[in-house]
PDB file of N, CA and C in Angstrom:
ATOM      1  N   MET A   1     -54.947 -54.893 -97.810  1.00  0.00           N
ATOM      2  CA  MET A   1     -54.761 -56.274 -98.233  1.00  0.00           C
ATOM      3  C   MET A   1     -53.642 -56.804 -97.305  1.00  0.00           C
ATOM      4  N   THR A   2     -53.841 -57.997 -96.806  1.00  0.00           N
ATOM      5  CA  THR A   2     -52.917 -58.645 -95.900  1.00  0.00           C
ATOM      6  C   THR A   2     -51.824 -59.381 -96.654  1.00  0.00           C
ATOM      7  N   ASP A   3     -50.657 -59.269 -96.299  1.00  0.00           N
ATOM      8  CA  ASP A   3     -49.475 -60.019 -96.850  1.00  0.00           C
ATOM      9  C   ASP A   3     -49.415 -61.402 -96.185  1.00  0.00           C
ATOM     10  N   VAL A   4     -49.935 -62.327 -96.942  1.00  0.00           N
ATOM     11  CA  VAL A   4     -50.001 -63.712 -96.421  1.00  0.00           C
ATOM     12  C   VAL A   4     -48.546 -64.282 -96.023  1.00  0.00           C
ATOM     13  N   SER A   5     -47.700 -63.957 -96.724  1.00  0.00           N
ATOM     14  CA  SER A   5     -46.284 -64.492 -96.492  1.00  0.00           C
ATOM     15  C   SER A   5     -45.709 -64.033 -95.254  1.00  0.00           C
ATOM     16  N   ARG A   6     -46.274 -63.038 -94.597  1.00  0.00           N
ATOM     17  CA  ARG A   6     -45.773 -62.457 -93.284  1.00  0.00           C
ATOM     18  C   ARG A   6     -46.676 -63.085 -92.127  1.00  0.00           C
ATOM     19  N   SER A   7     -47.826 -63.487 -92.362  1.00  0.00           N
ATOM     20  CA  SER A   7     -48.678 -63.848 -91.353  1.00  0.00           C
ATOM     21  C   SER A   7     -48.862 -65.375 -91.327  1.00  0.00           C
ATOM     22  N   THR A   8     -48.465 -66.071 -92.184  1.00  0.00           N
ATOM     23  CA  THR A   8     -48.564 -67.529 -92.279  1.00  0.00           C
ATOM     24  C   THR A   8     -47.312 -68.254 -92.086  1.00  0.00           C
ATOM     25  N   PRO A   9     -47.171 -69.116 -91.130  1.00  0.00           N
ATOM     26  CA  PRO A   9     -45.888 -69.826 -90.979  1.00  0.00           C
ATOM     27  C   PRO A   9     -45.698 -70.694 -92.114  1.00  0.00           C
ATOM     28  N   VAL A  10     -44.439 -70.808 -92.505  1.00  0.00           N
ATOM     29  CA  VAL A  10     -44.017 -71.674 -93.603  1.00  0.00           C
ATOM     30  C   VAL A  10     -43.470 -73.030 -93.159  1.00  0.00           C
ATOM     31  N   THR A  11     -44.131 -74.050 -93.546  1.00  0.00           N
ATOM     32  CA  THR A  11     -43.621 -75.413 -93.195  1.00  0.00           C
ATOM     33  C   THR A  11     -42.566 -75.796 -94.248  1.00  0.00           C
ATOM     34  N   PRO A  12     -41.355 -76.190 -93.708  1.00  0.00           N
ATOM     35  CA  PRO A  12     -40.229 -76.603 -94.626  1.00  0.00           C
ATOM     36  C   PRO A  12     -40.709 -77.812 -95.477  1.00  0.00           C
ATOM     37  N   LEU A  13     -40.217 -77.943 -96.599  1.00  0.00           N
ATOM     38  CA  LEU A  13     -40.388 -79.184 -97.449  1.00  0.00           C
ATOM     39  C   LEU A  13     -39.540 -80.325 -96.929  1.00  0.00           C
ATOM     40  N   SER A  14     -40.032 -81.517 -97.112  1.00  0.00           N
ATOM     41  CA  SER A  14     -39.240 -82.670 -96.787  1.00  0.00           C
ATOM     42  C   SER A  14     -38.156 -82.824 -97.975  1.00  0.00           C
ATOM     43  N   ASP A  15     -37.152 -83.654 -97.741  1.00  0.00           N
ATOM     44  CA  ASP A  15     -36.245 -83.931 -98.722  1.00  0.00           C
ATOM     45  C   ASP A  15     -36.980 -84.425-100.025  1.00  0.00           C
ATOM     46  N   GLN A  16     -37.912 -85.393 -99.833  1.00  0.00           N
ATOM     47  CA  GLN A  16     -38.682 -85.977-100.870  1.00  0.00           C
ATOM     48  C   GLN A  16     -39.341 -84.842-101.629  1.00  0.00           C
ATOM     49  N   GLU A  17     -40.116 -83.972-100.908  1.00  0.00           N
ATOM     50  CA  GLU A  17     -40.851 -82.873-101.640  1.00  0.00           C
ATOM     51  C   GLU A  17     -39.894 -81.910-102.347  1.00  0.00           C
ATOM     52  N   GLU A  18     -38.742 -81.611-101.838  1.00  0.00           N
ATOM     53  CA  GLU A  18     -37.765 -80.821-102.544  1.00  0.00           C
ATOM     54  C   GLU A  18     -37.342 -81.411-103.781  1.00  0.00           C
ATOM     55  N   THR A  19     -37.094 -82.732-103.847  1.00  0.00           N
ATOM     56  CA  THR A  19     -36.640 -83.456-104.972  1.00  0.00           C
ATOM     57  C   THR A  19     -37.738 -83.424-106.024  1.00  0.00           C
ATOM     58  N   ARG A  20     -38.961 -83.648-105.633  1.00  0.00           N
ATOM     59  CA  ARG A  20     -40.157 -83.560-106.576  1.00  0.00           C
ATOM     60  C   ARG A  20     -40.347 -82.110-107.190  1.00  0.00           C
ATOM     61  N   PHE A  21     -40.191 -81.089-106.213  1.00  0.00           N
ATOM     62  CA  PHE A  21     -40.373 -79.662-106.594  1.00  0.00           C
ATOM     63  C   PHE A  21     -39.316 -79.342-107.718  1.00  0.00           C
ATOM     64  N   THR A  22     -38.076 -79.732-107.385  1.00  0.00           N
ATOM     65  CA  THR A  22     -36.879 -79.416-108.370  1.00  0.00           C
ATOM     66  C   THR A  22     -37.108 -80.064-109.737  1.00  0.00           C
ATOM     67  N   ALA A  23     -37.491 -81.298-109.702  1.00  0.00           N
ATOM     68  CA  ALA A  23     -37.822 -82.048-110.983  1.00  0.00           C
ATOM     69  C   ALA A  23     -38.838 -81.401-111.752  1.00  0.00           C
ATOM     70  N   THR A  24     -39.988 -81.300-110.969  1.00  0.00           N
ATOM     71  CA  THR A  24     -41.268 -80.719-111.656  1.00  0.00           C
ATOM     72  C   THR A  24     -41.004 -79.285-112.254  1.00  0.00           C
ATOM     73  N   MET A  25     -40.394 -78.435-111.460  1.00  0.00           N
ATOM     74  CA  MET A  25     -40.269 -77.066-111.913  1.00  0.00           C
ATOM     75  C   MET A  25     -39.255 -76.935-112.976  1.00  0.00           C
ATOM     76  N   ALA A  26     -38.189 -77.814-113.031  1.00  0.00           N
ATOM     77  CA  ALA A  26     -37.207 -77.678-114.056  1.00  0.00           C
ATOM     78  C   ALA A  26     -37.905 -78.174-115.414  1.00  0.00           C
ATOM     79  N   GLU A  27     -38.662 -79.303-115.306  1.00  0.00           N
ATOM     80  CA  GLU A  27     -39.428 -79.724-116.641  1.00  0.00           C
ATOM     81  C   GLU A  27     -40.336 -78.586-117.007  1.00  0.00           C
ATOM     82  N   MET A  28     -41.064 -77.989-116.192  1.00  0.00           N
ATOM     83  CA  MET A  28     -42.051 -76.914-116.506  1.00  0.00           C
ATOM     84  C   MET A  28     -41.245 -75.681-117.085  1.00  0.00           C
ATOM     85  N   LEU A  29     -40.211 -75.204-116.488  1.00  0.00           N
ATOM     86  CA  LEU A  29     -39.538 -74.052-116.854  1.00  0.00           C
ATOM     87  C   LEU A  29     -38.535 -74.213-118.004  1.00  0.00           C
ATOM     88  N   SER A  30     -38.055 -75.369-118.222  1.00  0.00           N
ATOM     89  CA  SER A  30     -37.037 -75.587-119.281  1.00  0.00           C
ATOM     90  C   SER A  30     -37.592 -75.151-120.647  1.00  0.00           C
ATOM     91  N   GLY A  31     -38.901 -75.579-120.903  1.00  0.00           N
ATOM     92  CA  GLY A  31     -39.491 -75.214-122.207  1.00  0.00           C
ATOM     93  C   GLY A  31     -39.669 -73.624-122.352  1.00  0.00           C
ATOM     94  N   GLU A  32     -40.065 -73.041-121.281  1.00  0.00           N
ATOM     95  CA  GLU A  32     -40.316 -71.564-121.270  1.00  0.00           C
ATOM     96  C   GLU A  32     -38.887 -70.773-121.438  1.00  0.00           C
ATOM     97  N   VAL A  33     -37.900 -71.328-120.758  1.00  0.00           N
ATOM     98  CA  VAL A  33     -36.595 -70.724-120.947  1.00  0.00           C
ATOM     99  C   VAL A  33     -36.064 -70.816-122.426  1.00  0.00           C
ATOM    100  N   ALA A  34     -36.279 -72.039-122.844  1.00  0.00           N
ATOM    101  CA  ALA A  34     -35.885 -72.365-124.248  1.00  0.00           C
ATOM    102  C   ALA A  34     -36.538 -71.512-125.235  1.00  0.00           C
ATOM    103  N   ALA A  35     -37.875 -71.212-125.084  1.00  0.00           N
ATOM    104  CA  ALA A  35     -38.701 -70.458-126.013  1.00  0.00           C
ATOM    105  C   ALA A  35     -38.463 -68.932-125.784  1.00  0.00           C
ATOM    106  N   LYS A  36     -38.466 -68.492-124.537  1.00  0.00           N
ATOM    107  CA  LYS A  36     -38.397 -67.078-124.350  1.00  0.00           C
ATOM    108  C   LYS A  36     -36.981 -66.536-123.965  1.00  0.00           C
ATOM    109  N   GLY A  37     -36.075 -67.382-123.620  1.00  0.00           N
ATOM    110  CA  GLY A  37     -34.736 -66.879-123.198  1.00  0.00           C
ATOM    111  C   GLY A  37     -34.677 -66.696-121.752  1.00  0.00           C
ATOM    112  N   SER A  38     -35.757 -66.323-121.001  1.00  0.00           N
ATOM    113  CA  SER A  38     -35.756 -66.221-119.551  1.00  0.00           C
ATOM    114  C   SER A  38     -37.108 -66.564-119.002  1.00  0.00           C
ATOM    115  N   VAL A  39     -37.144 -66.612-117.687  1.00  0.00           N
ATOM    116  CA  VAL A  39     -38.467 -66.650-116.867  1.00  0.00           C
ATOM    117  C   VAL A  39     -38.262 -66.131-115.579  1.00  0.00           C
ATOM    118  N   ARG A  40     -39.292 -65.432-115.074  1.00  0.00           N
ATOM    119  CA  ARG A  40     -39.185 -64.799-113.679  1.00  0.00           C
ATOM    120  C   ARG A  40     -40.062 -65.609-112.688  1.00  0.00           C
ATOM    121  N   VAL A  41     -39.587 -65.872-111.573  1.00  0.00           N
ATOM    122  CA  VAL A  41     -40.370 -66.644-110.585  1.00  0.00           C
ATOM    123  C   VAL A  41     -40.325 -65.836-109.207  1.00  0.00           C
ATOM    124  N   THR A  42     -41.280 -65.981-108.403  1.00  0.00           N
ATOM    125  CA  THR A  42     -41.294 -65.372-107.059  1.00  0.00           C
ATOM    126  C   THR A  42     -40.356 -66.181-106.241  1.00  0.00           C
ATOM    127  N   ALA A  43     -39.365 -65.670-105.500  1.00  0.00           N
ATOM    128  CA  ALA A  43     -38.462 -66.347-104.537  1.00  0.00           C
ATOM    129  C   ALA A  43     -38.225 -65.424-103.385  1.00  0.00           C
ATOM    130  N   LYS A  44     -39.094 -65.276-102.363  1.00  0.00           N
ATOM    131  CA  LYS A  44     -38.987 -64.231-101.350  1.00  0.00           C
ATOM    132  C   LYS A  44     -38.053 -64.699-100.142  1.00  0.00           C
ATOM    133  N   THR A  45     -37.868 -66.043-100.017  1.00  0.00           N
ATOM    134  CA  THR A  45     -37.116 -66.699 -98.888  1.00  0.00           C
ATOM    135  C   THR A  45     -35.804 -67.274 -99.408  1.00  0.00           C
ATOM    136  N   ASP A  46     -34.870 -67.313 -98.475  1.00  0.00           N
ATOM    137  CA  ASP A  46     -33.529 -68.093 -98.731  1.00  0.00           C
ATOM    138  C   ASP A  46     -33.871 -69.447 -99.224  1.00  0.00           C
ATOM    139  N   ASP A  47     -34.808 -70.118 -98.581  1.00  0.00           N
ATOM    140  CA  ASP A  47     -35.058 -71.503 -99.024  1.00  0.00           C
ATOM    141  C   ASP A  47     -35.624 -71.520-100.407  1.00  0.00           C
ATOM    142  N   MET A  48     -36.490 -70.691-100.798  1.00  0.00           N
ATOM    143  CA  MET A  48     -36.980 -70.659-102.149  1.00  0.00           C
ATOM    144  C   MET A  48     -35.781 -70.321-103.159  1.00  0.00           C
ATOM    145  N   ARG A  49     -34.995 -69.378-102.934  1.00  0.00           N
ATOM    146  CA  ARG A  49     -33.851 -68.991-103.761  1.00  0.00           C
ATOM    147  C   ARG A  49     -32.963 -70.383-103.844  1.00  0.00           C
ATOM    148  N   ARG A  50     -32.773 -70.996-102.858  1.00  0.00           N
ATOM    149  CA  ARG A  50     -31.811 -72.144-102.967  1.00  0.00           C
ATOM    150  C   ARG A  50     -32.552 -73.286-103.760  1.00  0.00           C
ATOM    151  N   LEU A  51     -33.842 -73.316-103.644  1.00  0.00           N
ATOM    152  CA  LEU A  51     -34.503 -74.446-104.527  1.00  0.00           C
ATOM    153  C   LEU A  51     -34.456 -73.945-106.011  1.00  0.00           C
ATOM    154  N   PHE A  52     -34.720 -72.710-106.311  1.00  0.00           N
ATOM    155  CA  PHE A  52     -34.603 -72.229-107.621  1.00  0.00           C
ATOM    156  C   PHE A  52     -33.236 -72.263-108.186  1.00  0.00           C
ATOM    157  N   GLN A  53     -32.196 -72.184-107.410  1.00  0.00           N
ATOM    158  CA  GLN A  53     -30.802 -72.497-107.773  1.00  0.00           C
ATOM    159  C   GLN A  53     -30.708 -73.824-108.312  1.00  0.00           C
ATOM    160  N   ASP A  54     -31.263 -74.837-107.582  1.00  0.00           N
ATOM    161  CA  ASP A  54     -31.176 -76.175-107.987  1.00  0.00           C
ATOM    162  C   ASP A  54     -32.006 -76.398-109.254  1.00  0.00           C
ATOM    163  N   VAL A  55     -33.171 -75.681-109.358  1.00  0.00           N
ATOM    164  CA  VAL A  55     -33.967 -75.767-110.563  1.00  0.00           C
ATOM    165  C   VAL A  55     -33.132 -75.336-111.762  1.00  0.00           C
ATOM    166  N   THR A  56     -32.442 -74.086-111.612  1.00  0.00           N
ATOM    167  CA  THR A  56     -31.550 -73.583-112.660  1.00  0.00           C
ATOM    168  C   THR A  56     -30.521 -74.575-113.067  1.00  0.00           C
ATOM    169  N   ARG A  57     -29.835 -75.267-112.204  1.00  0.00           N
ATOM    170  CA  ARG A  57     -28.849 -76.251-112.589  1.00  0.00           C
ATOM    171  C   ARG A  57     -29.560 -77.373-113.443  1.00  0.00           C
ATOM    172  N   ARG A  58     -30.722 -77.762-113.004  1.00  0.00           N
ATOM    173  CA  ARG A  58     -31.469 -78.832-113.704  1.00  0.00           C
ATOM    174  C   ARG A  58     -31.842 -78.422-115.075  1.00  0.00           C
ATOM    175  N   VAL A  59     -32.384 -77.164-115.256  1.00  0.00           N
ATOM    176  CA  VAL A  59     -32.865 -76.639-116.452  1.00  0.00           C
ATOM    177  C   VAL A  59     -31.581 -76.693-117.455  1.00  0.00           C
ATOM    178  N   GLY A  60     -30.431 -76.218-116.957  1.00  0.00           N
ATOM    179  CA  GLY A  60     -29.206 -76.388-117.769  1.00  0.00           C
ATOM    180  C   GLY A  60     -28.901 -77.729-118.268  1.00  0.00           C
ATOM    181  N   LEU A  61     -29.094 -78.711-117.423  1.00  0.00           N
ATOM    182  CA  LEU A  61     -28.829 -80.070-117.773  1.00  0.00           C
ATOM    183  C   LEU A  61     -29.883 -80.547-118.859  1.00  0.00           C
ATOM    184  N   ILE A  62     -31.175 -80.222-118.712  1.00  0.00           N
ATOM    185  CA  ILE A  62     -32.262 -80.482-119.564  1.00  0.00           C
ATOM    186  C   ILE A  62     -31.869 -79.971-120.939  1.00  0.00           C
ATOM    187  N   LEU A  63     -31.620 -78.620-120.995  1.00  0.00           N
ATOM    188  CA  LEU A  63     -31.385 -77.868-122.235  1.00  0.00           C
ATOM    189  C   LEU A  63     -30.085 -78.158-122.835  1.00  0.00           C
ATOM    190  N   GLN A  64     -29.086 -78.698-122.051  1.00  0.00           N
ATOM    191  CA  GLN A  64     -27.708 -78.918-122.425  1.00  0.00           C
ATOM    192  C   GLN A  64     -27.159 -77.531-122.980  1.00  0.00           C
ATOM    193  N   ARG A  65     -27.464 -76.569-122.090  1.00  0.00           N
ATOM    194  CA  ARG A  65     -26.889 -75.140-122.474  1.00  0.00           C
ATOM    195  C   ARG A  65     -26.622 -74.505-121.095  1.00  0.00           C
ATOM    196  N   PRO A  66     -25.767 -73.506-121.108  1.00  0.00           N
ATOM    197  CA  PRO A  66     -25.474 -72.783-119.906  1.00  0.00           C
ATOM    198  C   PRO A  66     -26.820 -71.882-119.622  1.00  0.00           C
ATOM    199  N   VAL A  67     -27.165 -72.050-118.238  1.00  0.00           N
ATOM    200  CA  VAL A  67     -28.287 -71.319-117.676  1.00  0.00           C
ATOM    201  C   VAL A  67     -27.848 -70.650-116.482  1.00  0.00           C
ATOM    202  N   ILE A  68     -28.246 -69.390-116.345  1.00  0.00           N
ATOM    203  CA  ILE A  68     -27.901 -68.517-115.209  1.00  0.00           C
ATOM    204  C   ILE A  68     -29.237 -68.224-114.471  1.00  0.00           C
ATOM    205  N   SER A  69     -28.918 -67.799-113.158  1.00  0.00           N
ATOM    206  CA  SER A  69     -30.096 -67.178-112.489  1.00  0.00           C
ATOM    207  C   SER A  69     -29.530 -65.983-111.576  1.00  0.00           C
ATOM    208  N   TYR A  70     -30.512 -65.126-111.266  1.00  0.00           N
ATOM    209  CA  TYR A  70     -30.137 -63.967-110.338  1.00  0.00           C
ATOM    210  C   TYR A  70     -31.373 -63.586-109.564  1.00  0.00           C
ATOM    211  N   SER A  71     -31.189 -62.938-108.531  1.00  0.00           N
ATOM    212  CA  SER A  71     -32.328 -62.549-107.743  1.00  0.00           C
ATOM    213  C   SER A  71     -32.342 -61.208-107.140  1.00  0.00           C
ATOM    214  N   ASN A  72     -33.470 -60.449-106.956  1.00  0.00           N
ATOM    215  CA  ASN A  72     -33.346 -59.121-106.445  1.00  0.00           C
ATOM    216  C   ASN A  72     -33.918 -59.195-104.978  1.00  0.00           C
ATOM    217  N   GLY A  73     -34.063 -60.428-104.355  1.00  0.00           N
ATOM    218  CA  GLY A  73     -34.599 -60.653-103.110  1.00  0.00           C
ATOM    219  C   GLY A  73     -36.138 -60.963-103.017  1.00  0.00           C
ATOM    220  N   ARG A  74     -36.770 -60.569-104.036  1.00  0.00           N
ATOM    221  CA  ARG A  74     -38.277 -60.886-104.095  1.00  0.00           C
ATOM    222  C   ARG A  74     -38.617 -61.889-105.296  1.00  0.00           C
ATOM    223  N   GLU A  75     -37.732 -61.697-106.494  1.00  0.00           N
ATOM    224  CA  GLU A  75     -38.058 -62.465-107.640  1.00  0.00           C
ATOM    225  C   GLU A  75     -36.670 -63.088-108.021  1.00  0.00           C
ATOM    226  N   MET A  76     -36.714 -64.111-108.754  1.00  0.00           N
ATOM    227  CA  MET A  76     -35.553 -64.733-109.386  1.00  0.00           C
ATOM    228  C   MET A  76     -35.744 -64.957-110.868  1.00  0.00           C
ATOM    229  N   VAL A  77     -34.732 -64.579-111.570  1.00  0.00           N
ATOM    230  CA  VAL A  77     -34.809 -64.605-113.126  1.00  0.00           C
ATOM    231  C   VAL A  77     -33.839 -65.844-113.473  1.00  0.00           C
ATOM    232  N   ILE A  78     -34.420 -66.764-114.156  1.00  0.00           N
ATOM    233  CA  ILE A  78     -33.633 -68.053-114.791  1.00  0.00           C
ATOM    234  C   ILE A  78     -33.563 -67.695-116.286  1.00  0.00           C
ATOM    235  N   ALA A  79     -32.349 -67.743-116.699  1.00  0.00           N
ATOM    236  CA  ALA A  79     -32.171 -67.292-118.186  1.00  0.00           C
ATOM    237  C   ALA A  79     -30.970 -68.136-118.770  1.00  0.00           C
ATOM    238  N   LEU A  80     -31.143 -68.277-120.147  1.00  0.00           N
ATOM    239  CA  LEU A  80     -30.068 -68.675-120.868  1.00  0.00           C
ATOM    240  C   LEU A  80     -28.893 -67.761-120.700  1.00  0.00           C
ATOM    241  N   ASP A  81     -27.663 -68.290-120.670  1.00  0.00           N
ATOM    242  CA  ASP A  81     -26.525 -67.410-120.545  1.00  0.00           C
ATOM    243  C   ASP A  81     -26.407 -66.502-121.662  1.00  0.00           C
ATOM    244  N   ALA A  82     -26.104 -65.265-121.537  1.00  0.00           N
ATOM    245  CA  ALA A  82     -26.170 -64.194-122.709  1.00  0.00           C
ATOM    246  C   ALA A  82     -25.281 -64.650-123.689  1.00  0.00           C
ATOM    247  N   GLU A  83     -24.126 -65.269-123.367  1.00  0.00           N
ATOM    248  CA  GLU A  83     -23.148 -65.632-124.341  1.00  0.00           C
ATOM    249  C   GLU A  83     -23.524 -66.752-125.163  1.00  0.00           C
ATOM    250  N   ASP A  84     -24.587 -67.501-124.697  1.00  0.00           N
ATOM    251  CA  ASP A  84     -24.995 -68.649-125.420  1.00  0.00           C
ATOM    252  C   ASP A  84     -26.263 -68.490-126.227  1.00  0.00           C
ATOM    253  N   ARG A  85     -26.822 -67.233-126.225  1.00  0.00           N
ATOM    254  CA  ARG A  85     -28.071 -66.981-126.879  1.00  0.00           C
ATOM    255  C   ARG A  85     -27.785 -66.817-128.453  1.00  0.00           C
TER     256      ARG A  85
END
C-alpha cells in the first residue's frame, strides 16, 4: 500500500481557507469533546498541528471550559482539561 502523504505534494491553505477550517472543525469537534471528554485527529505535519492548536483554542471558547491538546507526531488529542472534568 502506498503512503499517499509521502508521495503527494501538499498545497498550503490560504489564510481564508485556514480561517474556515478552524471555525468548521471547532464547531464539529466541540460537541464531541463535550460528550466524550476528548477526540483524536490525524495531524502528521507541523502545519496541521498548528491548525489543530488553533482549533483547540476555539473549542475552549465555544465550550467556555479549559481544553488542552497534545500530539505524538502523528495524531493529536483534543481534550477537556483533566482538572475541569
